[in-house]
Amino acid sequence: MKNINLLERLNRCVAAIRQKTDFVPQIALVLGSGLGGFARLIECCAEISYSEIEGFPVSTVSGHEGKYIFGTLNGVKLVCMQGRVHCYEGYSSSDVVLPIRVMGLLGAKVLFLTNASGGISEKLQAGDFMLITDHISSLIKSPLIGPNKESLGTRFPDMSEVYNKRLSEIIKRSASEVGVPLKEGVYIQTTGPNYETPAEIRAYKTLGADAVGMSTACEAIAARHMGMLVCAVSCISNLAAGISKNPLTHKEVKETADRVAPLFERLVTQSVVNISKSMEETK
């Protein structure tokens, strides 16, 4: 697929999906590590494995199923990524954000990102939810490097407000409505797959990061480049290196996600419904 330009590749992916479903989503939802169980709440119209789409990156990490789910949640039309791909799996930044771009081309106007992350700030504990208000992406390669396609977005997109303030306020209100405590903070993305050293965590804290993970920021950049509205919630699955007394493991990430899954489901469901209502009101 290296000889095919980005736009042609995206169009091929969209065409392959359109052969299976004509569903047009309102909101795109990405489910992070250990949070894939949320997909069972969606009234499914179609499921498409990433492996069924020619030239599409495939998830290789435990806890990431690797498929699109098209359907409705309390009447809201969603496309859900049950599992994402990461740079540490060997994919380029452009590959990592391709699924996001595809969902935008399928009609989604809002991208709702979720992830599991390590808590850096002393205000965060394992099991907390953090509304991402901004991110630091300087440690990763921008997904926009390379020839720009003006039909997707401008060459030099503004990132003054990656995470839409109106959507963030809706998520905060939704959390209050369903009784789910919600913190706020800045997220920093690293490449992984190794966890960070205590010295790195101290450096990230100095930079202003409250939580750290291996995804999300690059996806948000690509979505904003396309003009999608972005919001994001992080599940703090563990305390970061040097803060936690225990060695970091992927097992701990999934165990924490499983423990807080009912709260996550309430928060995301209410947020999706309220975001949809807001979109209808502003038409």
C-alpha atoms as a PDB file:
ATOM      1  CA  MET A   1       0.000   0.000   0.000  1.00  0.00           C
ATOM      2  CA  LYS A   2       3.032   2.335   0.140  1.00  0.00           C
ATOM      3  CA  ASN A   3       2.546   3.499  -3.451  1.00  0.00           C
ATOM      4  CA  ILE A   4      -1.049   4.625  -2.786  1.00  0.00           C
ATOM      5  CA  ASN A   5      -1.479   8.183  -1.545  1.00  0.00           C
ATOM      6  CA  LEU A   6      -3.357   8.850   1.677  1.00  0.00           C
ATOM      7  CA  LEU A   7      -6.573  10.070   0.116  1.00  0.00           C
ATOM      8  CA  GLU A   8      -6.811   7.124  -2.233  1.00  0.00           C
ATOM      9  CA  ARG A   9      -6.141   4.731   0.631  1.00  0.00           C
ATOM     10  CA  LEU A  10      -8.838   6.361   2.766  1.00  0.00           C
ATOM     11  CA  ASN A  11     -11.314   6.225  -0.099  1.00  0.00           C
ATOM     12  CA  ARG A  12     -10.614   2.520  -0.598  1.00  0.00           C
ATOM     13  CA  CYS A  13     -11.237   1.846   3.090  1.00  0.00           C
ATOM     14  CA  VAL A  14     -14.482   3.815   3.023  1.00  0.00           C
ATOM     15  CA  ALA A  15     -15.596   1.981  -0.132  1.00  0.00           C
ATOM     16  CA  ALA A  16     -14.876  -1.400   1.486  1.00  0.00           C
ATOM     17  CA  ILE A  17     -17.009  -0.438   4.498  1.00  0.00           C
ATOM     18  CA  ARG A  18     -19.798   0.914   2.295  1.00  0.00           C
ATOM     19  CA  GLN A  19     -20.012  -2.496   0.613  1.00  0.00           C
ATOM     20  CA  LYS A  20     -21.074  -3.863   3.991  1.00  0.00           C
ATOM     21  CA  THR A  21     -23.147  -1.025   5.490  1.00  0.00           C
ATOM     22  CA  ASP A  22     -24.599   2.357   4.538  1.00  0.00           C
ATOM     23  CA  PHE A  23     -24.831   3.412   8.204  1.00  0.00           C
ATOM     24  CA  VAL A  24     -23.967   7.100   8.755  1.00  0.00           C
ATOM     25  CA  PRO A  25     -22.757   7.766  12.326  1.00  0.00           C
ATOM     26  CA  GLN A  26     -23.215  10.997  14.245  1.00  0.00           C
ATOM     27  CA  ILE A  27     -20.506  10.291  16.843  1.00  0.00           C
ATOM     28  CA  ALA A  28     -17.302   8.227  16.649  1.00  0.00           C
ATOM     29  CA  LEU A  29     -16.257   6.518  19.895  1.00  0.00           C
ATOM     30  CA  VAL A  30     -12.839   4.961  20.542  1.00  0.00           C
ATOM     31  CA  LEU A  31     -12.657   2.413  23.371  1.00  0.00           C
ATOM     32  CA  GLY A  32      -9.282   2.213  25.114  1.00  0.00           C
ATOM     33  CA  SER A  33      -7.433  -0.614  26.864  1.00  0.00           C
ATOM     34  CA  GLY A  34      -9.768  -2.767  28.938  1.00  0.00           C
ATOM     35  CA  LEU A  35     -12.798  -0.616  28.094  1.00  0.00           C
ATOM     36  CA  GLY A  36     -14.000  -2.589  25.083  1.00  0.00           C
ATOM     37  CA  GLY A  37     -16.872  -4.173  27.031  1.00  0.00           C
ATOM     38  CA  PHE A  38     -18.853  -0.974  26.531  1.00  0.00           C
ATOM     39  CA  ALA A  39     -19.546  -2.132  22.977  1.00  0.00           C
ATOM     40  CA  ARG A  40     -22.144  -4.637  24.213  1.00  0.00           C
ATOM     41  CA  LEU A  41     -24.444  -1.720  25.096  1.00  0.00           C
ATOM     42  CA  ILE A  42     -24.667  -0.664  21.461  1.00  0.00           C
ATOM     43  CA  GLU A  43     -27.635  -1.899  19.430  1.00  0.00           C
ATOM     44  CA  CYS A  44     -25.532  -3.242  16.602  1.00  0.00           C
ATOM     45  CA  CYS A  45     -26.376  -2.753  12.925  1.00  0.00           C
ATOM     46  CA  ALA A  46     -23.046  -3.993  11.554  1.00  0.00           C
ATOM     47  CA  GLU A  47     -19.655  -5.232  12.749  1.00  0.00           C
ATOM     48  CA  ILE A  48     -16.573  -5.031  10.558  1.00  0.00           C
ATOM     49  CA  SER A  49     -13.214  -6.412  11.657  1.00  0.00           C
ATOM     50  CA  TYR A  50     -10.227  -4.294  10.727  1.00  0.00           C
ATOM     51  CA  SER A  51      -8.777  -7.371   9.005  1.00  0.00           C
ATOM     52  CA  GLU A  52     -11.702  -7.300   6.543  1.00  0.00           C
ATOM     53  CA  ILE A  53     -10.665  -3.878   5.228  1.00  0.00           C
ATOM     54  CA  GLU A  54      -7.816  -3.919   2.703  1.00  0.00           C
ATOM     55  CA  GLY A  55      -4.839  -1.837   3.797  1.00  0.00           C
ATOM     56  CA  PHE A  56      -6.259  -1.211   7.276  1.00  0.00           C
ATOM     57  CA  PRO A  57      -4.036  -1.473  10.395  1.00  0.00           C
ATOM     58  CA  VAL A  58      -4.956  -4.388  12.672  1.00  0.00           C
ATOM     59  CA  SER A  59      -4.910  -4.373  16.494  1.00  0.00           C
ATOM     60  CA  THR A  60      -2.388  -6.774  18.043  1.00  0.00           C
ATOM     61  CA  VAL A  61      -2.714  -5.910  21.757  1.00  0.00           C
ATOM     62  CA  SER A  62      -4.685  -7.864  24.363  1.00  0.00           C
ATOM     63  CA  GLY A  63      -7.812  -5.929  25.330  1.00  0.00           C
ATOM     64  CA  HIS A  64      -8.218  -4.435  21.855  1.00  0.00           C
ATOM     65  CA  GLU A  65     -10.710  -6.492  19.823  1.00  0.00           C
ATOM     66  CA  GLY A  66      -9.964  -4.747  16.540  1.00  0.00           C
ATOM     67  CA  LYS A  67     -13.289  -3.978  14.880  1.00  0.00           C
ATOM     68  CA  TYR A  68     -15.757  -1.250  14.020  1.00  0.00           C
ATOM     69  CA  ILE A  69     -19.238  -1.519  15.497  1.00  0.00           C
ATOM     70  CA  PHE A  70     -22.012   0.477  13.848  1.00  0.00           C
ATOM     71  CA  GLY A  71     -25.237   0.965  15.754  1.00  0.00           C
ATOM     72  CA  THR A  72     -27.260   3.062  18.166  1.00  0.00           C
ATOM     73  CA  LEU A  73     -26.930   3.853  21.847  1.00  0.00           C
ATOM     74  CA  ASN A  74     -30.164   5.200  23.327  1.00  0.00           C
ATOM     75  CA  GLY A  75     -31.097   6.329  19.833  1.00  0.00           C
ATOM     76  CA  VAL A  76     -27.748   7.988  19.065  1.00  0.00           C
ATOM     77  CA  LYS A  77     -26.036   6.752  15.885  1.00  0.00           C
ATOM     78  CA  LEU A  78     -22.482   5.647  16.702  1.00  0.00           C
ATOM     79  CA  VAL A  79     -19.487   4.078  15.073  1.00  0.00           C
ATOM     80  CA  CYS A  80     -17.368   2.522  17.776  1.00  0.00           C
ATOM     81  CA  MET A  81     -13.756   1.409  17.552  1.00  0.00           C
ATOM     82  CA  GLN A  82     -13.507  -1.611  19.809  1.00  0.00           C
ATOM     83  CA  GLY A  83      -9.742  -1.452  20.073  1.00  0.00           C
ATOM     84  CA  ARG A  84      -7.233   0.922  18.494  1.00  0.00           C
ATOM     85  CA  VAL A  85      -3.767   0.574  17.008  1.00  0.00           C
ATOM     86  CA  HIS A  86      -0.565   2.122  18.363  1.00  0.00           C
ATOM     87  CA  CYS A  87       2.810   3.259  17.070  1.00  0.00           C
ATOM     88  CA  TYR A  88       4.526   0.676  19.290  1.00  0.00           C
ATOM     89  CA  GLU A  89       2.884  -2.083  17.263  1.00  0.00           C
ATOM     90  CA  GLY A  90       5.085  -1.006  14.364  1.00  0.00           C
ATOM     91  CA  TYR A  91       2.616   1.298  12.645  1.00  0.00           C
ATOM     92  CA  SER A  92       3.424   4.774  11.382  1.00  0.00           C
ATOM     93  CA  SER A  93       1.596   7.766  12.864  1.00  0.00           C
ATOM     94  CA  SER A  94      -0.344   8.015   9.602  1.00  0.00           C
ATOM     95  CA  ASP A  95      -1.474   4.387   9.977  1.00  0.00           C
ATOM     96  CA  VAL A  96      -2.449   4.898  13.618  1.00  0.00           C
ATOM     97  CA  VAL A  97      -4.853   7.737  12.775  1.00  0.00           C
ATOM     98  CA  LEU A  98      -6.235   6.174   9.587  1.00  0.00           C
ATOM     99  CA  PRO A  99      -9.205   4.604  11.443  1.00  0.00           C
ATOM    100  CA  ILE A 100     -10.063   8.034  12.862  1.00  0.00           C
ATOM    101  CA  ARG A 101      -9.979   9.659   9.437  1.00  0.00           C
ATOM    102  CA  VAL A 102     -12.160   6.882   8.032  1.00  0.00           C
ATOM    103  CA  MET A 103     -14.823   7.473  10.700  1.00  0.00           C
ATOM    104  CA  GLY A 104     -14.815  11.166   9.829  1.00  0.00           C
ATOM    105  CA  LEU A 105     -15.269  10.381   6.144  1.00  0.00           C
ATOM    106  CA  LEU A 106     -18.132   8.036   7.040  1.00  0.00           C
ATOM    107  CA  GLY A 107     -19.987  11.045   8.481  1.00  0.00           C
ATOM    108  CA  ALA A 108     -19.046  11.308  12.172  1.00  0.00           C
ATOM    109  CA  LYS A 109     -18.843  14.943  13.308  1.00  0.00           C
ATOM    110  CA  VAL A 110     -17.689  14.255  16.885  1.00  0.00           C
ATOM    111  CA  LEU A 111     -14.798  12.090  18.052  1.00  0.00           C
ATOM    112  CA  PHE A 112     -15.078  10.809  21.643  1.00  0.00           C
ATOM    113  CA  LEU A 113     -11.745   9.324  22.702  1.00  0.00           C
ATOM    114  CA  THR A 114     -11.169   7.122  25.758  1.00  0.00           C
ATOM    115  CA  ASN A 115      -8.018   5.511  27.067  1.00  0.00           C
ATOM    116  CA  ALA A 116      -6.298   3.994  30.070  1.00  0.00           C
ATOM    117  CA  SER A 117      -3.417   6.030  31.462  1.00  0.00           C
ATOM    118  CA  GLY A 118      -0.959   6.357  34.311  1.00  0.00           C
ATOM    119  CA  GLY A 119      -1.607   9.035  36.903  1.00  0.00           C
ATOM    120  CA  ILE A 120       1.159  11.607  37.396  1.00  0.00           C
ATOM    121  CA  SER A 121      -0.648  14.278  39.390  1.00  0.00           C
ATOM    122  CA  GLU A 122      -1.062  13.744  43.130  1.00  0.00           C
ATOM    123  CA  LYS A 123      -4.767  14.526  42.702  1.00  0.00           C
ATOM    124  CA  LEU A 124      -5.250  11.290  40.725  1.00  0.00           C
ATOM    125  CA  GLN A 125      -5.673   7.739  41.995  1.00  0.00           C
ATOM    126  CA  ALA A 126      -6.116   4.418  40.192  1.00  0.00           C
ATOM    127  CA  GLY A 127      -9.760   4.105  39.157  1.00  0.00           C
ATOM    128  CA  ASP A 128     -10.322   7.846  38.668  1.00  0.00           C
ATOM    129  CA  PHE A 129     -11.683   9.312  35.457  1.00  0.00           C
ATOM    130  CA  MET A 130      -9.978  12.368  34.007  1.00  0.00           C
ATOM    131  CA  LEU A 131     -11.480  14.698  31.436  1.00  0.00           C
ATOM    132  CA  ILE A 132      -8.637  15.568  29.066  1.00  0.00           C
ATOM    133  CA  THR A 133      -8.529  19.345  28.712  1.00  0.00           C
ATOM    134  CA  ASP A 134      -5.302  19.528  26.674  1.00  0.00           C
ATOM    135  CA  HIS A 135      -2.401  17.344  25.630  1.00  0.00           C
ATOM    136  CA  ILE A 136       1.352  17.302  25.070  1.00  0.00           C
ATOM    137  CA  SER A 137       2.327  15.485  21.871  1.00  0.00           C
ATOM    138  CA  SER A 138       5.911  16.685  21.398  1.00  0.00           C
ATOM    139  CA  LEU A 139       7.324  13.226  22.218  1.00  0.00           C
ATOM    140  CA  ILE A 140       5.614  11.542  19.258  1.00  0.00           C
ATOM    141  CA  LYS A 141       5.795  12.014  15.500  1.00  0.00           C
ATOM    142  CA  SER A 142       2.935  14.162  14.200  1.00  0.00           C
ATOM    143  CA  PRO A 143       0.434  12.203  12.088  1.00  0.00           C
ATOM    144  CA  LEU A 144       0.310  15.205   9.725  1.00  0.00           C
ATOM    145  CA  ILE A 145       3.927  14.883   8.555  1.00  0.00           C
ATOM    146  CA  GLY A 146       4.112  14.305   4.820  1.00  0.00           C
ATOM    147  CA  PRO A 147       2.189  15.668   1.825  1.00  0.00           C
ATOM    148  CA  ASN A 148      -0.960  17.484   2.943  1.00  0.00           C
ATOM    149  CA  LYS A 149      -4.350  16.805   1.366  1.00  0.00           C
ATOM    150  CA  GLU A 150      -6.297  20.069   1.382  1.00  0.00           C
ATOM    151  CA  SER A 151      -9.551  18.112   1.052  1.00  0.00           C
ATOM    152  CA  LEU A 152      -8.825  16.694   4.523  1.00  0.00           C
ATOM    153  CA  GLY A 153      -7.573  19.869   6.184  1.00  0.00           C
ATOM    154  CA  THR A 154      -5.201  22.819   6.055  1.00  0.00           C
ATOM    155  CA  ARG A 155      -1.401  22.396   5.975  1.00  0.00           C
ATOM    156  CA  PHE A 156      -0.892  24.157   9.337  1.00  0.00           C
ATOM    157  CA  PRO A 157      -3.961  23.441  11.516  1.00  0.00           C
ATOM    158  CA  ASP A 158      -4.541  25.444  14.704  1.00  0.00           C
ATOM    159  CA  MET A 159      -4.430  23.406  17.910  1.00  0.00           C
ATOM    160  CA  SER A 160      -5.438  26.138  20.376  1.00  0.00           C
ATOM    161  CA  GLU A 161      -8.498  24.120  21.373  1.00  0.00           C
ATOM    162  CA  VAL A 162      -8.030  20.465  20.494  1.00  0.00           C
ATOM    163  CA  TYR A 163     -10.594  19.312  23.064  1.00  0.00           C
ATOM    164  CA  ASN A 164     -13.809  21.187  22.412  1.00  0.00           C
ATOM    165  CA  LYS A 165     -14.835  23.270  25.424  1.00  0.00           C
ATOM    166  CA  ARG A 166     -18.573  22.911  24.794  1.00  0.00           C
ATOM    167  CA  LEU A 167     -18.309  19.117  24.593  1.00  0.00           C
ATOM    168  CA  SER A 168     -16.110  19.067  27.685  1.00  0.00           C
ATOM    169  CA  GLU A 169     -18.742  21.027  29.625  1.00  0.00           C
ATOM    170  CA  ILE A 170     -21.378  18.532  28.473  1.00  0.00           C
ATOM    171  CA  ILE A 171     -19.257  15.625  29.756  1.00  0.00           C
ATOM    172  CA  LYS A 172     -18.769  17.369  33.105  1.00  0.00           C
ATOM    173  CA  ARG A 173     -22.516  17.934  33.392  1.00  0.00           C
ATOM    174  CA  SER A 174     -23.200  14.332  32.368  1.00  0.00           C
ATOM    175  CA  ALA A 175     -20.826  13.042  35.053  1.00  0.00           C
ATOM    176  CA  SER A 176     -22.703  15.052  37.663  1.00  0.00           C
ATOM    177  CA  GLU A 177     -26.062  13.766  36.411  1.00  0.00           C
ATOM    178  CA  VAL A 178     -25.056  10.098  36.812  1.00  0.00           C
ATOM    179  CA  GLY A 179     -22.988  10.555  39.964  1.00  0.00           C
ATOM    180  CA  VAL A 180     -19.580   9.721  38.507  1.00  0.00           C
ATOM    181  CA  PRO A 181     -16.651  11.722  39.962  1.00  0.00           C
ATOM    182  CA  LEU A 182     -14.646  13.343  37.168  1.00  0.00           C
ATOM    183  CA  LYS A 183     -11.239  14.964  37.463  1.00  0.00           C
ATOM    184  CA  GLU A 184      -9.622  17.187  34.830  1.00  0.00           C
ATOM    185  CA  GLY A 185      -6.098  17.384  33.509  1.00  0.00           C
ATOM    186  CA  VAL A 186      -3.468  17.437  30.773  1.00  0.00           C
ATOM    187  CA  TYR A 187      -2.474  14.207  29.033  1.00  0.00           C
ATOM    188  CA  ILE A 188       0.929  13.410  27.529  1.00  0.00           C
ATOM    189  CA  GLN A 189       1.428  10.726  24.874  1.00  0.00           C
ATOM    190  CA  THR A 190       4.598   8.643  24.651  1.00  0.00           C
ATOM    191  CA  THR A 191       5.412   6.011  22.049  1.00  0.00           C
ATOM    192  CA  GLY A 192       5.632   2.976  24.354  1.00  0.00           C
ATOM    193  CA  PRO A 193       5.578   0.020  24.562  1.00  0.00           C
ATOM    194  CA  ASN A 194       7.861   0.309  27.593  1.00  0.00           C
ATOM    195  CA  TYR A 195       6.471   2.127  30.590  1.00  0.00           C
ATOM    196  CA  GLU A 196       8.189   5.348  31.620  1.00  0.00           C
ATOM    197  CA  THR A 197      11.086   5.673  34.044  1.00  0.00           C
ATOM    198  CA  PRO A 198      10.649   7.605  37.306  1.00  0.00           C
ATOM    199  CA  ALA A 199      12.945  10.333  35.907  1.00  0.00           C
ATOM    200  CA  GLU A 200      10.767  10.665  32.816  1.00  0.00           C
ATOM    201  CA  ILE A 201       7.636  10.943  34.956  1.00  0.00           C
ATOM    202  CA  ARG A 202       9.256  13.739  36.972  1.00  0.00           C
ATOM    203  CA  ALA A 203      10.088  15.498  33.709  1.00  0.00           C
ATOM    204  CA  TYR A 204       6.537  15.099  32.383  1.00  0.00           C
ATOM    205  CA  LYS A 205       5.156  16.523  35.616  1.00  0.00           C
ATOM    206  CA  THR A 206       7.435  19.545  35.213  1.00  0.00           C
ATOM    207  CA  LEU A 207       6.074  19.979  31.676  1.00  0.00           C
ATOM    208  CA  GLY A 208       2.552  20.131  33.098  1.00  0.00           C
ATOM    209  CA  ALA A 209       1.247  16.625  32.428  1.00  0.00           C
ATOM    210  CA  ASP A 210      -1.257  15.051  34.822  1.00  0.00           C
ATOM    211  CA  ALA A 211      -1.491  11.640  33.133  1.00  0.00           C
ATOM    212  CA  VAL A 212       0.533   9.632  30.613  1.00  0.00           C
ATOM    213  CA  GLY A 213      -0.378   7.060  27.988  1.00  0.00           C
ATOM    214  CA  MET A 214       0.516   5.605  24.602  1.00  0.00           C
ATOM    215  CA  SER A 215      -2.354   6.790  22.407  1.00  0.00           C
ATOM    216  CA  THR A 216      -5.005   9.477  21.918  1.00  0.00           C
ATOM    217  CA  ALA A 217      -3.098  12.721  21.250  1.00  0.00           C
ATOM    218  CA  CYS A 218      -2.168  11.769  17.681  1.00  0.00           C
ATOM    219  CA  GLU A 219      -5.770  10.724  17.008  1.00  0.00           C
ATOM    220  CA  ALA A 220      -7.059  14.030  18.352  1.00  0.00           C
ATOM    221  CA  ILE A 221      -4.637  15.936  16.103  1.00  0.00           C
ATOM    222  CA  ALA A 222      -5.818  14.101  12.983  1.00  0.00           C
ATOM    223  CA  ALA A 223      -9.472  14.618  13.889  1.00  0.00           C
ATOM    224  CA  ARG A 224      -9.010  18.352  14.452  1.00  0.00           C
ATOM    225  CA  HIS A 225      -7.123  18.549  11.142  1.00  0.00           C
ATOM    226  CA  MET A 226     -10.307  17.212   9.510  1.00  0.00           C
ATOM    227  CA  GLY A 227     -12.559  19.605  11.404  1.00  0.00           C
ATOM    228  CA  MET A 228     -14.078  17.035  13.761  1.00  0.00           C
ATOM    229  CA  LEU A 229     -15.034  18.114  17.279  1.00  0.00           C
ATOM    230  CA  VAL A 230     -12.989  16.191  19.850  1.00  0.00           C
ATOM    231  CA  CYS A 231     -13.540  15.239  23.493  1.00  0.00           C
ATOM    232  CA  ALA A 232     -11.721  12.692  25.629  1.00  0.00           C
ATOM    233  CA  VAL A 233     -11.879  10.869  28.961  1.00  0.00           C
ATOM    234  CA  SER A 234      -9.013   8.906  30.473  1.00  0.00           C
ATOM    235  CA  CYS A 235      -9.357   6.080  32.966  1.00  0.00           C
ATOM    236  CA  ILE A 236      -6.455   6.313  35.423  1.00  0.00           C
ATOM    237  CA  SER A 237      -5.523   2.643  35.546  1.00  0.00           C
ATOM    238  CA  ASN A 238      -2.418   2.939  37.712  1.00  0.00           C
ATOM    239  CA  LEU A 239      -0.047   5.426  39.273  1.00  0.00           C
ATOM    240  CA  ALA A 240       2.950   6.213  37.070  1.00  0.00           C
ATOM    241  CA  ALA A 241       6.489   4.924  37.640  1.00  0.00           C
ATOM    242  CA  GLY A 242       8.185   6.315  40.723  1.00  0.00           C
ATOM    243  CA  ILE A 243       4.777   7.137  42.232  1.00  0.00           C
ATOM    244  CA  SER A 244       3.464   3.600  42.345  1.00  0.00           C
ATOM    245  CA  LYS A 245       5.228   1.252  44.764  1.00  0.00           C
ATOM    246  CA  ASN A 246       4.577  -1.697  42.439  1.00  0.00           C
ATOM    247  CA  PRO A 247       6.065  -2.589  39.035  1.00  0.00           C
ATOM    248  CA  LEU A 248       3.768  -1.507  36.182  1.00  0.00           C
ATOM    249  CA  THR A 249       1.947  -4.217  34.231  1.00  0.00           C
ATOM    250  CA  HIS A 250      -0.675  -4.368  31.477  1.00  0.00           C
ATOM    251  CA  LYS A 251      -2.599  -6.788  33.707  1.00  0.00           C
ATOM    252  CA  GLU A 252      -3.072  -4.000  36.265  1.00  0.00           C
ATOM    253  CA  VAL A 253      -4.413  -1.716  33.531  1.00  0.00           C
ATOM    254  CA  LYS A 254      -7.080  -4.222  32.530  1.00  0.00           C
ATOM    255  CA  GLU A 255      -7.971  -5.095  36.139  1.00  0.00           C
ATOM    256  CA  THR A 256      -8.612  -1.443  36.987  1.00  0.00           C
ATOM    257  CA  ALA A 257     -10.631  -0.931  33.808  1.00  0.00           C
ATOM    258  CA  ASP A 258     -12.775  -3.946  34.669  1.00  0.00           C
ATOM    259  CA  ARG A 259     -13.343  -2.641  38.197  1.00  0.00           C
ATOM    260  CA  VAL A 260     -14.592   0.771  37.095  1.00  0.00           C
ATOM    261  CA  ALA A 261     -16.418  -0.428  33.956  1.00  0.00           C
ATOM    262  CA  PRO A 262     -19.938   0.215  35.358  1.00  0.00           C
ATOM    263  CA  LEU A 263     -19.036   3.843  36.152  1.00  0.00           C
ATOM    264  CA  PHE A 264     -17.390   4.249  32.750  1.00  0.00           C
ATOM    265  CA  GLU A 265     -20.494   2.946  31.006  1.00  0.00           C
ATOM    266  CA  ARG A 266     -22.768   5.357  32.869  1.00  0.00           C
ATOM    267  CA  LEU A 267     -20.503   8.315  32.147  1.00  0.00           C
ATOM    268  CA  VAL A 268     -20.017   7.615  28.443  1.00  0.00           C
ATOM    269  CA  THR A 269     -23.663   6.725  27.803  1.00  0.00           C
ATOM    270  CA  GLN A 270     -24.973   9.902  29.424  1.00  0.00           C
ATOM    271  CA  SER A 271     -22.308  11.989  27.695  1.00  0.00           C
ATOM    272  CA  VAL A 272     -23.102  10.550  24.268  1.00  0.00           C
ATOM    273  CA  VAL A 273     -26.823  11.201  24.707  1.00  0.00           C
ATOM    274  CA  ASN A 274     -26.254  14.772  25.898  1.00  0.00           C
ATOM    275  CA  ILE A 275     -23.741  15.518  23.140  1.00  0.00           C
ATOM    276  CA  SER A 276     -26.224  14.274  20.543  1.00  0.00           C
ATOM    277  CA  LYS A 277     -28.984  16.455  21.998  1.00  0.00           C
ATOM    278  CA  SER A 278     -26.690  19.468  21.892  1.00  0.00           C
ATOM    279  CA  MET A 279     -25.794  18.784  18.253  1.00  0.00           C
ATOM    280  CA  GLU A 280     -29.479  18.593  17.312  1.00  0.00           C
ATOM    281  CA  GLU A 281     -30.228  21.847  19.116  1.00  0.00           C
ATOM    282  CA  THR A 282     -27.466  23.724  17.297  1.00  0.00           C
ATOM    283  CA  LYS A 283     -28.426  22.569  13.795  1.00  0.00           C
END
